[in-house]
Protein backbone atom coordinates (compact mmCIF):
# COMPACT_ATOMS: atom_id res chain seq x y z
CA MET A 1 60.04 36.43 26.82
CA PRO A 2 56.93 36.97 24.63
CA LEU A 3 53.64 37.09 26.49
CA SER A 4 52.31 34.04 24.63
CA ALA A 5 55.35 31.99 25.68
CA LEU A 6 54.96 33.13 29.27
CA ALA A 7 51.26 32.18 29.20
CA GLY A 8 52.17 28.79 27.76
CA ARG A 9 54.57 28.13 30.64
CA ALA A 10 51.93 29.27 33.13
CA ALA A 11 49.44 26.86 31.54
CA LEU A 12 51.93 24.05 32.03
CA VAL A 13 52.34 25.03 35.70
CA ALA A 14 48.55 25.12 36.20
CA TRP A 15 48.23 21.68 34.59
CA CYS A 16 50.94 20.25 36.85
CA ALA A 17 49.32 21.90 39.87
CA VAL A 18 46.23 19.71 39.35
CA ALA A 19 48.37 16.83 40.67
CA VAL A 20 49.58 18.81 43.71
CA LEU A 21 47.48 21.65 45.09
CA PRO A 22 44.08 19.91 45.57
CA PHE A 23 45.77 17.21 47.66
CA LEU A 24 47.41 19.81 49.91
CA SER A 25 44.22 21.76 50.61
CA ARG A 26 44.00 22.97 54.19
CA LEU A 27 40.37 24.01 53.74
CA HIS A 28 38.16 21.14 54.89
CA TYR A 29 34.82 22.33 56.21
CA VAL A 30 31.68 20.34 56.91
CA PRO A 31 29.27 19.50 55.40
CA LEU A 32 31.45 19.20 52.24
CA PRO A 33 35.01 18.62 53.49
CA GLN A 34 36.46 17.85 50.04
CA TRP A 35 34.74 20.74 48.25
CA TRP A 36 37.72 23.10 48.13
CA GLY A 37 40.07 20.37 46.94
CA GLU A 38 37.68 19.34 44.18
CA VAL A 39 36.73 22.84 43.03
CA THR A 40 40.45 23.65 42.90
CA VAL A 41 40.74 20.99 40.19
CA VAL A 42 38.03 22.75 38.17
CA TRP A 43 39.63 26.17 38.56
CA LEU A 44 43.11 24.93 37.64
CA VAL A 45 41.73 23.23 34.52
CA VAL A 46 39.90 26.39 33.46
CA LEU A 47 43.00 28.46 34.22
CA ALA A 48 45.22 26.18 32.13
CA TRP A 49 42.79 26.55 29.22
CA LEU A 50 42.56 30.34 29.62
CA LEU A 51 46.35 30.61 29.54
CA ALA A 52 46.78 28.45 26.47
CA PRO A 53 43.49 28.18 24.55
CA ARG A 54 45.19 27.66 21.19
CA ALA A 55 47.40 24.91 22.53
CA ALA A 56 44.28 23.10 23.74
CA ALA A 57 42.40 23.57 20.47
CA VAL A 58 43.56 20.26 19.02
CA ALA A 59 41.41 17.28 18.18
CA TRP A 60 39.94 15.81 21.32
CA PRO A 61 41.69 12.72 22.71
CA ARG A 62 39.72 9.59 23.42
CA ALA A 63 39.70 10.49 27.12
CA THR A 64 37.65 13.64 26.41
CA TRP A 65 34.98 11.69 24.52
CA TRP A 66 34.95 9.12 27.32
CA MET A 67 34.42 11.81 29.97
CA LEU A 68 31.67 13.49 27.94
CA ALA A 69 29.83 10.19 27.52
CA MET A 70 30.04 9.49 31.23
CA ALA A 71 28.84 12.99 32.09
CA ALA A 72 25.82 12.49 29.84
CA PHE A 73 25.03 9.10 31.36
CA TRP A 74 25.30 10.34 34.95
CA ALA A 75 23.17 13.42 34.22
CA ALA A 76 20.49 11.37 32.43
CA GLN A 77 20.09 8.59 34.99
CA PRO A 78 17.38 10.48 36.96
CA LEU A 79 15.28 10.50 33.76
CA TRP A 80 14.69 6.73 33.83
CA MET A 81 14.78 5.87 37.51
CA PRO A 82 13.70 7.56 40.76
CA LEU A 83 16.59 8.90 42.81
CA ALA A 84 16.51 10.35 46.30
CA PHE A 85 18.85 13.20 45.33
CA PRO A 86 19.23 13.62 41.56
CA GLY A 87 21.46 16.62 42.20
CA MET A 88 24.21 14.20 43.23
CA ASN A 89 24.17 12.89 39.66
CA TRP A 90 24.26 16.37 38.19
CA ALA A 91 27.15 17.42 40.42
CA THR A 92 29.04 14.31 39.30
CA ALA A 93 28.26 15.10 35.66
CA LEU A 94 29.70 18.60 36.12
CA GLY A 95 32.85 17.01 37.53
CA PHE A 96 33.15 14.78 34.48
CA LEU A 97 32.72 17.81 32.21
CA SER A 98 35.68 19.45 33.93
CA LEU A 99 37.68 16.26 33.34
CA ALA A 100 36.69 16.28 29.67
CA LEU A 101 38.22 19.76 29.41
CA LEU A 102 41.26 18.58 31.39
CA ALA A 103 41.83 15.75 28.91
CA ALA A 104 41.59 18.21 26.02
CA VAL A 105 44.04 20.57 27.72
CA THR A 106 46.39 17.64 28.36
CA ALA A 107 46.41 16.65 24.70
CA GLY A 108 46.95 20.27 23.68
CA LEU A 109 49.86 20.77 26.07
CA ARG A 110 51.47 17.60 24.77
CA GLU A 111 51.25 19.04 21.26
CA ARG A 112 52.73 22.31 22.52
CA TRP A 113 55.54 20.96 24.73
CA GLY A 114 56.06 17.41 23.61
CA GLU A 115 55.62 14.25 25.63
CA ALA A 116 59.07 14.25 27.23
CA THR A 117 58.83 17.80 28.59
CA LEU A 118 55.28 17.32 29.80
CA LEU A 119 56.06 14.10 31.66
CA ARG A 120 59.21 15.51 33.21
CA ALA A 121 57.27 18.55 34.46
CA LEU A 122 54.59 16.26 35.90
CA ALA A 123 57.23 14.09 37.60
CA TRP A 124 58.80 17.12 39.27
CA ALA A 125 55.34 18.27 40.40
CA LEU A 126 54.50 14.88 41.89
CA LEU A 127 57.85 14.70 43.65
CA ALA A 128 57.30 18.17 45.13
CA GLY A 129 53.78 17.21 46.20
CA ALA A 130 54.94 13.95 47.75
CA LEU A 131 57.72 15.72 49.68
CA ALA A 132 55.24 18.29 50.98
CA GLN A 133 52.82 15.55 52.04
CA SER A 134 55.63 13.55 53.68
CA ALA A 135 56.73 16.61 55.64
CA ILE A 136 53.20 16.93 57.00
CA GLY A 137 53.20 13.19 57.76
CA PHE A 138 56.49 13.54 59.61
CA CYS A 139 54.96 16.26 61.78
CA GLN A 140 52.02 13.95 62.50
CA VAL A 141 54.08 10.89 63.43
CA THR A 142 56.44 12.87 65.66
CA GLY A 143 53.70 14.85 67.42
CA LEU A 144 54.79 18.17 65.93
CA ALA A 145 51.42 18.60 64.20
CA GLU A 146 49.64 18.36 67.55
CA ALA A 147 52.03 20.94 69.02
CA MET A 148 51.40 23.40 66.18
CA GLY A 149 47.95 24.28 67.43
CA GLY A 150 45.95 23.20 64.40
CA LEU A 151 48.21 24.57 61.67
CA LEU A 152 48.45 21.05 60.22
CA PHE A 153 45.90 18.25 60.21
CA TYR A 154 46.22 15.41 62.67
CA ASP A 155 43.97 12.79 64.24
CA ARG A 156 43.12 13.97 67.74
CA ALA A 157 42.14 10.45 68.81
CA HIS A 158 45.39 8.93 67.47
CA PRO A 159 47.73 11.92 67.05
CA THR A 160 50.94 10.00 66.27
CA SER A 161 49.75 6.63 64.99
CA ASN A 162 47.34 7.70 62.23
CA VAL A 163 49.46 9.36 59.55
CA PHE A 164 47.70 10.79 56.50
CA GLY A 165 49.34 14.05 55.39
CA HIS A 166 46.77 16.61 54.31
CA ILE A 167 44.88 14.08 52.21
CA GLY A 168 42.98 12.85 55.26
CA GLN A 169 43.14 9.06 54.94
CA ARG A 170 46.15 6.79 55.36
CA ASN A 171 45.56 4.66 52.27
CA GLN A 172 45.05 7.68 50.03
CA TYR A 173 48.15 9.29 51.54
CA ALA A 174 50.25 6.19 50.81
CA HIS A 175 48.74 6.08 47.31
CA TYR A 176 49.96 9.64 46.66
CA LEU A 177 53.40 8.98 48.16
CA CYS A 178 53.80 6.00 45.83
CA TRP A 179 53.11 8.34 42.92
CA GLY A 180 56.03 10.35 44.30
CA VAL A 181 58.16 7.19 44.44
CA ALA A 182 57.40 6.45 40.78
CA ALA A 183 58.13 10.07 39.82
CA THR A 184 61.49 9.95 41.62
CA ALA A 185 62.48 6.73 39.86
CA TYR A 186 61.44 8.23 36.53
CA LEU A 187 63.47 11.41 37.08
CA TYR A 188 66.53 9.38 38.03
CA ALA A 189 66.20 7.21 34.92
CA GLN A 190 65.87 10.39 32.84
CA ARG A 191 69.11 11.66 34.44
CA ALA A 192 67.28 14.60 35.98
CA LEU A 193 68.36 13.43 39.46
CA SER A 194 71.78 12.24 40.58
CA ARG A 195 72.11 8.79 42.12
CA ARG A 196 72.80 10.28 45.55
CA ALA A 197 69.79 12.59 45.42
CA ALA A 198 67.51 9.86 44.08
CA THR A 199 68.66 7.42 46.78
CA ALA A 200 68.02 9.93 49.56
CA LEU A 201 64.62 10.86 48.19
CA LEU A 202 63.53 7.24 47.67
CA LEU A 203 64.57 6.23 51.18
CA TRP A 204 62.73 9.18 52.68
CA LEU A 205 59.56 8.56 50.66
CA ALA A 206 59.73 4.81 51.42
CA LEU A 207 60.01 5.62 55.13
CA SER A 208 57.03 7.96 54.85
CA VAL A 209 55.07 5.22 53.08
CA ALA A 210 55.91 2.84 55.92
CA TRP A 211 54.70 5.36 58.50
CA ALA A 212 51.40 5.57 56.63
CA GLY A 213 50.70 1.96 57.63
CA SER A 214 48.93 1.12 54.39
CA ARG A 215 48.93 -2.58 53.60
CA THR A 216 48.28 -2.09 49.89
CA VAL A 217 51.74 -0.62 49.23
CA LEU A 218 53.19 -4.11 48.82
CA LEU A 219 50.96 -4.55 45.79
CA TYR A 220 52.02 -1.15 44.47
CA ALA A 221 55.70 -2.09 44.78
CA PHE A 222 55.17 -5.36 42.92
CA ALA A 223 53.13 -3.63 40.21
CA LEU A 224 55.75 -0.94 39.62
CA VAL A 225 58.60 -3.36 39.04
CA ALA A 226 56.44 -5.79 37.03
CA LEU A 227 55.17 -3.01 34.77
CA ALA A 228 58.71 -1.70 34.27
CA GLY A 229 59.78 -5.21 33.26
CA VAL A 230 56.96 -5.56 30.76
CA TRP A 231 57.67 -2.15 29.29
CA HIS A 232 61.38 -2.86 28.96
CA ALA A 233 60.50 -6.08 27.14
CA ARG A 234 58.45 -4.01 24.68
CA VAL A 235 60.88 -1.13 24.19
CA ARG A 236 64.33 -2.77 24.58
CA SER A 237 66.29 0.49 24.86
CA ASP A 238 68.88 1.92 27.22
CA GLU A 239 66.23 4.27 28.56
CA SER A 240 63.80 1.46 29.33
CA ARG A 241 66.63 -0.50 31.00
CA ARG A 242 67.41 2.48 33.24
CA LEU A 243 63.72 2.76 34.08
CA LEU A 244 63.55 -0.92 34.99
CA PHE A 245 66.55 -0.55 37.29
CA ALA A 246 65.15 2.62 38.87
CA PHE A 247 61.68 1.17 39.43
CA ALA A 248 63.13 -2.05 40.84
CA ALA A 249 65.29 -0.06 43.27
CA ALA A 250 62.32 2.10 44.26
CA SER A 251 60.12 -0.94 44.87
CA ALA A 252 62.88 -2.59 46.89
CA ALA A 253 63.19 0.53 49.05
CA VAL A 254 59.44 0.59 49.72
CA VAL A 255 59.43 -3.07 50.78
CA ALA A 256 62.65 -2.82 52.80
CA LEU A 257 61.40 0.11 54.86
CA GLN A 258 58.22 -1.80 55.66
CA PHE A 259 60.35 -4.37 57.47
CA ALA A 260 62.93 -1.92 58.81
CA LEU A 261 60.40 0.48 60.35
CA PRO A 262 60.54 -0.99 63.90
CA TRP A 263 64.29 -0.30 64.05
CA VAL A 264 63.83 3.19 62.62
CA ASN A 265 61.11 3.89 65.16
CA GLU A 266 63.28 2.62 67.99
CA PHE A 267 66.18 4.83 66.88
CA LEU A 268 63.99 7.93 66.64
CA ALA A 269 62.37 7.17 69.99
CA ARG A 270 65.78 7.10 71.66
CA LEU A 271 66.92 10.18 69.80
CA THR A 272 63.88 12.27 70.68
CA ASP A 273 62.87 10.55 73.91
CA THR A 274 59.39 10.20 72.40
CA PRO A 275 57.59 6.86 71.91
CA MET A 276 56.83 5.95 68.26
CA ALA A 277 53.56 4.05 68.11
CA VAL A 278 53.03 3.92 64.34
CA GLU A 279 53.09 0.55 62.55
CA SER A 280 53.99 -0.29 58.96
CA GLY A 281 51.59 -2.03 56.62
CA VAL A 282 53.59 -5.26 57.02
CA GLU A 283 53.25 -5.08 60.81
CA ARG A 284 49.51 -4.55 60.47
CA LEU A 285 49.30 -7.53 58.14
CA ALA A 286 51.32 -9.67 60.56
CA SER A 287 48.96 -8.79 63.38
CA GLY A 288 45.98 -9.85 61.30
CA GLY A 289 44.83 -6.29 60.65
CA GLY A 290 43.01 -6.14 63.96
CA ASP A 291 40.16 -4.02 62.63
CA GLY A 292 37.95 -6.48 60.74
CA MET A 293 38.27 -4.46 57.54
CA GLY A 294 39.29 -7.38 55.35
CA ALA A 295 36.28 -9.50 56.25
CA ARG A 296 33.96 -6.50 56.09
CA ARG A 297 35.19 -5.58 52.61
CA ILE A 298 34.37 -9.06 51.39
CA ASP A 299 30.87 -8.66 52.80
CA GLU A 300 30.46 -5.33 51.02
CA TRP A 301 31.58 -6.91 47.74
CA HIS A 302 29.01 -9.65 48.26
CA LYS A 303 26.28 -7.09 48.93
CA ALA A 304 27.22 -5.07 45.83
CA TRP A 305 26.91 -8.20 43.72
CA LEU A 306 23.49 -8.97 45.24
CA VAL A 307 22.38 -5.42 44.44
CA PHE A 308 23.58 -5.82 40.85
CA GLU A 309 21.81 -9.17 40.49
CA ALA A 310 18.56 -7.53 41.63
CA ALA A 311 18.86 -4.66 39.13
CA PRO A 312 21.37 -5.65 36.44
CA LEU A 313 20.33 -3.05 33.87
CA SER A 314 19.69 0.03 35.99
CA GLY A 315 21.48 -0.52 39.28
CA VAL A 316 20.01 1.17 42.34
CA GLY A 317 21.10 4.66 41.35
CA TRP A 318 24.21 6.74 41.73
CA SER A 319 25.35 7.15 45.35
CA GLN A 320 22.53 4.93 46.65
CA PHE A 321 24.49 1.80 47.56
CA ALA A 322 24.84 2.91 51.20
CA ALA A 323 21.19 2.31 51.99
CA GLU A 324 21.31 -1.07 50.26
CA SER A 325 24.35 -2.07 52.29
CA VAL A 326 22.59 -1.35 55.57
CA ARG A 327 19.42 -3.09 54.38
CA LEU A 328 21.27 -6.24 53.30
CA GLN A 329 23.27 -6.38 56.52
CA MET A 330 20.09 -7.69 58.17
CA LEU A 331 20.23 -10.88 56.08
CA PRO A 332 21.36 -14.07 57.85
CA GLN A 333 24.45 -14.52 55.68
CA PHE A 334 25.89 -11.29 57.07
CA ALA A 335 25.10 -11.97 60.72
CA ASP A 336 28.71 -12.94 61.45
CA ALA A 337 30.29 -9.92 59.74
CA GLY A 338 33.36 -8.39 61.35
CA PHE A 339 33.04 -5.73 64.02
CA ASN A 340 34.39 -2.92 61.87
CA SER A 341 31.73 -0.19 61.89
CA GLY A 342 32.94 2.07 59.11
CA LEU A 343 32.72 0.30 55.74
CA PHE A 344 29.12 0.64 54.71
CA SER A 345 28.73 3.54 52.28
CA ASN A 346 30.87 2.18 49.46
CA ALA A 347 31.52 -1.29 48.12
CA HIS A 348 35.28 -0.64 48.32
CA ASN A 349 35.72 -2.02 44.82
CA LEU A 350 35.41 0.15 41.73
CA GLU A 351 33.83 -2.38 39.40
CA LEU A 352 31.31 -3.71 41.93
CA GLN A 353 30.32 -0.20 42.99
CA LEU A 354 29.61 0.78 39.40
CA LEU A 355 27.64 -2.41 38.76
CA ALA A 356 25.55 -1.90 41.91
CA GLU A 357 24.73 1.76 41.31
CA MET A 358 24.81 2.15 37.52
CA GLY A 359 23.97 -1.34 36.30
CA ALA A 360 25.73 -3.13 33.46
CA PRO A 361 25.30 -0.27 30.91
CA GLY A 362 26.85 2.34 33.21
CA ALA A 363 29.67 0.05 34.32
CA LEU A 364 30.37 -0.93 30.70
CA LEU A 365 30.52 2.74 29.71
CA ALA A 366 32.93 3.58 32.53
CA LEU A 367 35.19 0.54 32.27
CA GLY A 368 34.90 0.00 28.53
CA GLY A 369 35.50 3.69 27.88
CA PHE A 370 38.60 3.57 30.04
CA ALA A 371 39.93 0.54 28.15
CA TRP A 372 39.17 2.23 24.81
CA ALA A 373 40.95 5.44 25.87
CA LEU A 374 43.93 3.52 27.23
CA TRP A 375 44.24 1.00 24.40
CA PRO A 376 46.64 3.03 22.22
CA TYR A 377 49.32 2.57 24.90
CA PHE A 378 49.34 -1.13 23.99
CA THR A 379 48.58 -1.09 20.28
CA ARG A 380 50.94 1.64 19.08
CA PRO A 381 54.74 1.59 19.25
CA ALA A 382 55.82 1.76 22.88
CA ARG A 383 58.09 4.49 24.24
CA ALA A 384 60.02 4.21 27.48
CA ALA A 385 58.64 7.48 28.84
CA GLN A 386 55.10 6.05 28.78
CA LEU A 387 56.02 3.99 31.83
CA LEU A 388 55.35 6.93 34.16
CA PRO A 389 51.66 7.50 33.31
CA LEU A 390 51.05 3.75 33.28
CA ALA A 391 52.75 3.37 36.67
CA LEU A 392 50.57 6.11 38.18
CA LEU A 393 47.48 4.44 36.74
CA ALA A 394 48.57 1.04 38.08
CA VAL A 395 48.76 2.38 41.63
CA THR A 396 45.32 3.97 41.29
CA LEU A 397 43.70 0.88 39.77
CA ILE A 398 45.11 -1.42 42.47
CA HIS A 399 43.87 0.91 45.19
CA SER A 400 40.47 1.03 43.49
CA GLN A 401 40.01 -2.70 44.04
CA LEU A 402 39.99 -2.14 47.81
CA GLU A 403 39.01 1.50 48.34
CA TYR A 404 37.41 4.38 46.47
CA PRO A 405 40.08 6.95 45.50
CA LEU A 406 38.38 7.69 42.19
CA TRP A 407 35.32 8.98 44.03
CA TYR A 408 37.43 12.08 44.72
CA LEU A 409 37.77 14.43 41.76
CA TYR A 410 41.47 15.09 42.35
CA PHE A 411 42.46 11.41 42.19
CA LEU A 412 40.22 10.91 39.16
CA ALA A 413 41.72 14.01 37.53
CA VAL A 414 45.24 12.58 37.63
CA ALA A 415 43.95 9.29 36.21
CA VAL A 416 42.27 11.15 33.34
CA MET A 417 45.45 13.16 32.68
CA MET A 418 47.42 9.92 32.36
CA THR A 419 44.76 8.38 30.13
CA ALA A 420 44.73 11.47 27.90
CA LEU A 421 48.48 11.03 27.34
CA ALA A 422 47.86 7.78 25.46
CA PRO A 423 49.37 7.92 21.97
CA ALA A 424 47.16 9.97 19.67
CA ALA A 425 45.32 8.27 16.85
CA SER A 426 45.51 9.53 13.30
CA PRO A 427 43.62 12.85 13.30
CA ARG A 428 40.07 12.34 12.10
CA SER A 429 38.16 15.02 14.00
CA LEU A 430 38.34 18.77 13.67
CA PRO A 431 40.03 20.96 16.28
CA ALA A 432 37.71 21.54 19.24
CA GLY A 433 38.54 25.10 20.25
CA SER A 434 34.93 26.40 20.27
CA ALA A 435 33.65 23.44 22.30
CA ASN A 436 36.50 23.91 24.78
CA LEU A 437 35.50 27.56 25.13
CA VAL A 438 31.91 26.62 25.97
CA LEU A 439 33.10 24.03 28.50
CA ALA A 440 35.57 26.40 30.16
CA VAL A 441 33.11 29.28 30.46
CA ALA A 442 30.29 27.06 31.74
CA LEU A 443 32.49 25.37 34.33
CA GLY A 444 33.96 28.66 35.50
CA VAL A 445 30.54 30.29 35.90
CA VAL A 446 28.91 27.33 37.67
CA SER A 447 31.83 26.74 40.04
CA LEU A 448 32.12 30.41 41.00
CA ALA A 449 28.37 30.70 41.46
CA ALA A 450 28.49 27.80 43.93
CA VAL A 451 30.97 29.52 46.27
CA PRO A 452 28.42 31.71 48.13
CA ARG A 453 26.12 28.74 48.71
CA TYR A 454 29.01 26.63 49.94
CA TRP A 455 29.99 29.25 52.51
CA GLU A 456 26.37 29.62 53.55
CA MET A 457 26.20 25.87 54.16
CA VAL A 458 29.39 26.00 56.23
CA GLY A 459 27.94 28.82 58.31
CA LEU A 460 24.70 26.92 58.90
CA TYR A 461 26.34 23.68 59.97
CA SER A 462 26.38 24.20 63.75
CA PRO A 463 23.31 25.26 65.76
CA THR A 464 23.69 28.43 67.80
CA GLY A 465 21.72 27.26 70.83
CA LEU A 466 19.24 30.14 70.41
CA ALA A 467 15.82 28.67 69.67
CA ALA A 468 14.44 31.40 67.39
CA ARG A 469 17.67 31.72 65.42
CA ASP A 470 18.06 27.97 65.03
CA ASP A 471 14.48 27.63 63.83
CA ALA A 472 15.21 30.19 61.11
CA ARG A 473 18.40 28.38 60.13
CA ALA A 474 16.56 25.05 59.99
CA ALA A 475 13.90 26.63 57.78
CA ARG A 476 16.61 27.92 55.43
CA LEU A 477 18.17 24.48 55.20
CA ALA A 478 14.78 22.95 54.44
CA GLU A 479 14.37 25.50 51.66
CA ILE A 480 17.72 24.45 50.13
CA VAL A 481 16.70 20.79 50.33
CA ARG A 482 13.52 21.54 48.39
CA ASP A 483 14.83 24.05 45.83
CA GLU A 484 18.54 23.49 45.15
CA PRO A 485 19.31 19.97 43.91
CA LEU A 486 23.10 20.36 43.83
CA PHE A 487 23.18 21.09 47.56
CA ALA A 488 20.02 19.27 48.66
CA PHE A 489 21.62 16.24 50.31
CA HIS A 490 24.27 18.29 52.07
CA ALA A 491 21.59 20.67 53.33
CA LEU A 492 19.54 17.75 54.67
CA ASN A 493 22.62 16.27 56.29
CA THR A 494 23.18 19.65 57.98
CA LEU A 495 19.51 19.97 58.92
CA ASP A 496 19.96 16.77 60.91
CA ASN A 497 22.03 18.80 63.39
CA TYR A 498 18.92 20.84 64.22
CA LEU A 499 16.55 17.89 64.58
CA THR A 500 16.77 17.16 68.29
CA ALA A 501 15.39 13.88 69.64
CA ASP A 502 12.46 15.32 71.54
CA ALA A 503 8.70 15.54 71.12
CA ARG A 504 8.64 19.04 69.56
CA GLU A 505 7.39 18.94 65.94
CA LEU A 506 7.78 15.18 66.08
CA ASP A 507 6.07 14.34 62.78
CA ALA A 508 8.14 16.81 60.76
CA LYS A 509 11.37 15.55 62.31
CA ARG A 510 10.49 11.98 61.53
CA ARG A 511 9.85 12.84 57.87
CA TRP A 512 13.21 14.58 57.51
CA ILE A 513 15.11 11.80 59.27
CA ALA A 514 13.33 9.12 57.23
CA GLN A 515 14.41 10.90 54.02
CA LEU A 516 18.01 11.08 55.24
CA ALA A 517 18.05 7.47 56.48
CA ALA A 518 16.74 6.25 53.12
CA PHE A 519 19.82 7.69 51.44
CA ARG A 520 22.62 7.76 54.02
CA PRO A 521 21.70 5.56 56.99
CA TYR A 522 24.58 6.69 59.18
CA PRO A 523 24.57 5.18 62.71
CA ASP A 524 23.56 8.43 64.42
CA VAL A 525 20.79 8.98 61.87
CA LEU A 526 19.33 5.53 62.49
CA PHE A 527 19.65 5.97 66.25
CA LYS A 528 17.85 9.31 66.10
CA SER A 529 15.15 7.76 63.92
CA ALA A 530 14.69 5.03 66.53
CA ARG A 531 14.43 7.58 69.34
CA LEU A 532 11.89 9.70 67.47
CA ALA A 533 9.83 6.62 66.65
CA ALA A 534 9.86 5.59 70.31
CA LEU A 535 8.71 9.06 71.38
CA ALA A 536 5.90 8.83 68.81
CA GLY A 537 4.78 5.51 70.30
CA ASP A 538 5.82 3.56 67.21
CA GLY A 539 7.66 0.78 69.02
CA ALA A 540 7.97 -1.50 65.99
CA ALA A 541 9.67 1.18 63.90
CA ALA A 542 11.94 2.13 66.81
CA THR A 543 13.06 -1.47 67.28
CA GLN A 544 13.62 -1.92 63.54
CA ASP A 545 15.68 1.27 63.15
CA LEU A 546 17.88 0.44 66.12
CA ALA A 547 18.33 -3.12 64.87
CA ARG A 548 19.51 -1.79 61.50
CA ALA A 549 21.98 0.48 63.24
CA LEU A 550 23.35 -2.28 65.45
CA GLU A 551 23.70 -4.78 62.61
CA SER A 552 25.81 -2.45 60.48
CA PHE A 553 27.52 -0.53 63.28
CA PRO A 554 27.74 -2.94 66.22
CA THR A 555 30.49 -1.13 68.11
CA TYR A 556 28.27 1.94 68.52
CA ALA A 557 26.05 0.11 71.02
CA PRO A 558 27.80 1.34 74.22
CA ARG A 559 27.74 4.93 73.01
CA PHE A 560 24.06 4.70 72.08
CA LEU A 561 23.24 3.29 75.50
CA ALA A 562 25.11 6.09 77.26
CA GLN A 563 23.22 8.70 75.23
CA LEU A 564 19.77 7.27 75.95
CA PRO A 565 18.10 8.99 78.95
CA ALA A 566 17.19 6.40 81.55
CA ASP A 567 14.33 8.53 82.91
CA GLU A 568 12.33 8.54 79.65
CA PRO A 569 9.74 5.71 79.75
CA ALA A 570 9.41 5.68 75.94
CA TYR A 571 13.02 4.51 75.70
CA ALA A 572 12.67 1.46 77.93
CA GLY A 573 12.46 -0.96 75.01
CA LEU A 574 15.42 0.61 73.25
CA ARG A 575 17.50 0.43 76.42
CA ARG A 576 16.80 -3.30 76.78
CA GLN A 577 17.72 -3.81 73.13
CA LEU A 578 20.97 -1.91 73.61
CA GLU A 579 21.88 -3.68 76.84
CA THR A 580 21.55 -7.01 75.04
CA ALA A 581 23.70 -5.74 72.16
CA VAL A 582 26.41 -4.45 74.50
CA ALA A 583 26.55 -7.75 76.36
CA ALA A 584 27.07 -9.59 73.06
CA LEU A 585 30.08 -7.48 72.07
CA PRO A 586 33.64 -8.65 72.62
CA GLU A 587 35.11 -7.14 75.79
CA ARG A 588 37.31 -4.62 73.95
CA TYR A 589 34.27 -2.93 72.37
CA ARG A 590 32.16 -2.56 75.53
């Protein structure tokens, strides 16, 4: 095989790997747990371009222009409004630049391989990724992951009832598995899988989806069959009919296993003599959710709209909604919010988050650009094979109404790949090989240059317990906060580990904690701020900081009270405040 042909195949493999490898990453280290998964996207994109630069040197698709415009907007926002950490914008802009190159590579590979081959390769990749994730999920639900001594991820607090693969969150895990369900249905309709194999795979993936316990999968199932019906109505071919049948069967399997899971669990419990505590999404819905997330999401949506109304043109700045959420929680209309203590940093709705942080212009650029890039799917002659990218996008868009998958570069990358596969317009622009070269080189250099700093941050995360050494480490972190914008927030978040709640260097600690609380008012940050204020004799500030923490994170009150030394007179007011808060909690949270 000629070297160029071999490189072209390798480029196709690297492109497909974008939808698999970042999601399987075993490397999750604080203070940036998703860093390896996200930088893997960048490296795979650059690798795909390096292997097939001529294939990617076609006219840019609309998705590339969209990503470039968003990168420019995100990078420029600090020029017209003050931001606590402008480096967060610049890091996001770099991510969008990598996605611009990914869209260009996608269009080039389609020209090189054709749509049918490219989509079939992607479907196989997603099926392989979903099977790998489901195998990890099986080990989690059966307790094998716990027995493997840390080889696989698992939730130590809920080792067999919180199932999330290696993605790290049940809803994102179910999202990915449903991509695998769609890919399996597509491969069956394309006659790449036999009926027996497709049936076995769909039942297994549907069971894995049920173990995930995600409630949103019912919407995914409905969307898949509805979209297949609409597409068959447009195409009216034997292929589209097979796709409709396959997607309907896949959706039926997903729904059926939601209801059948209790019997499956009972059978496995008897077979293995091990209790199965995991619930399906339907069971969680039937029990009312039990975690207050539904009501809390509605509150976060309300807050995001209030933030947008206050700053409709500029928003409050990228990644700065968290502080607004905690601030607004003090308002009377949110006094009866649910007792869930974990939904504050994101509005849990894509459109509202963009409106709150980027204002109407930024939201219009993001959403309008997406519609513009996607529009050729609906205005040009439809082909049955286009159902797969649209199905993957449908799952992602539904999830984005309730969560924030697109805040992770690997989920956003797959969405951009599917958008870049929209039918190409009549060529009007020149090939973009030179621009792709600049993008690829720049992204490769910047991402590789960040590796040493990332490992340094990982090494600095935990104090050593040796005073002199920890003081030096804290000074290094402070230097990164001041001098390196791309890592400044993460360095400050790590520096928090060295800021003990005692009277030593009290003023400096209060300044650092105030800067962190103004951007990411996590419960422990607010509690530490309250303790430092109390030690400084600033009772009003201490009371206010603790009140903010308890309003947004009410279930933390017992833990805060247990951590507060009873023999410190400065904490007497805080202890009374916490005792009152604990007494007001429902019994199950005390």
